[in-house]
Amino acid sequence: MKTDQYTKVMLTVIAFALLWLCLQMPWQRAEAQTKAPVAEVVRARQFELTDSQGKLLAELSIKADGNPVFALRDKTGQVRAELSIISGGRPVLCMTDKEGNLRAGIRVNQDGTPDIQIVDEGKRTRAILGMMTNGMVGLRLLDKNGQLRSDLSLAADGRPGLGLTGDSGNAGAALGVSKDGEIGLGFTDKNGNLRASLMLGDDGHPEMQMCDSDQKTRALLMLMPAGNPGLVLFDGDEKLQWTTP
C-alpha cells in the first residue's frame, strides 16, 4: 500500500515537472530569438516583395548599366512607379499608367536643377515645372504638337512674368515686371517682333507704344506727370513728325 502511494506521489511530481518544462520552452525560445544576433548589413544584388500568392509587387535591383532601380507593380504585374539612377548619376522618379506609358516624371539634371514633367496619353510632354541655374522658377505648358503656349515664371529676385504664344510659336503676349518696378504688357507678331506695348511706370503714369514690322516706334500715347494726355507720331526712321499737346 505504501509502495502504491509512493508511486502516485512520484508520478504526480513527474507530471508537474513535465508541465513546467512545457510551459518554459516557448519563453526560452522567445528569449533566445530576442538575444539572437542582428546583422548590421544585408548585402544582395536583388530584393523582391510578393503577395500571399507569390505575385511580384516590388523589387530592388541593379540594372545592366550598374545603376540601382526600385520598382513598384500593380496587381496585374505592370510597373507603375520606378525610382532609379540614370546616366550621369541623375535621380529619376517615373510614374506610368496601367498600359505602362510614362505619365509623370521627376528628375534632377546634371547641373543640379530639378524639374517635373506631365505627359499625356500620346506620350507627349504637356507641362514642365522646373528651376533654372540662375534661380528662376518656371511652369511651361505645351500643346499636343510640343509647341510652347504658355510660360509662367518667377525670377530669382522675385519678378513675375507670364507669356502666351500663338500657333506660330512667335505671335503672342508677355506680361512682366521690370527691376525698376515697371509693369509691362507686350504683343508680338508671327515673326516675334514687338508691335505694341503698354507700360505702367513706377510713378503710376501709363504709356502705350506702337511699332512697325521693323520694330521701330511709330506712335506713343502717354499720360504726362501733370495729368495731361500726350500723343507723339514718328516716321519710318523714328523721326518726330507730330506731337500734341
Foldseek 3Di string as FASTA:
>chain_A
DVVVVVVVVVVVVVVVVVVVVVVCVVVVVVVCVVPDDDDPDDDDAKDFDADPVRQTAWMWHADPVGKIKIFGADPVRATAWMWIQDPLRKTKIFGDDPVNATAKMWIQDNVRKIKIFGADPVRATAWMWIADPQGKTKIWGADPVRATAKMWIAGNVGKTKIWGADPLNAFTKIWIADPQGKTKIFTADSVNATAKMWIQGPVGKIKIFGADPVNATAKIWTQDPVRRIKIWGADPVRHTDDMDD
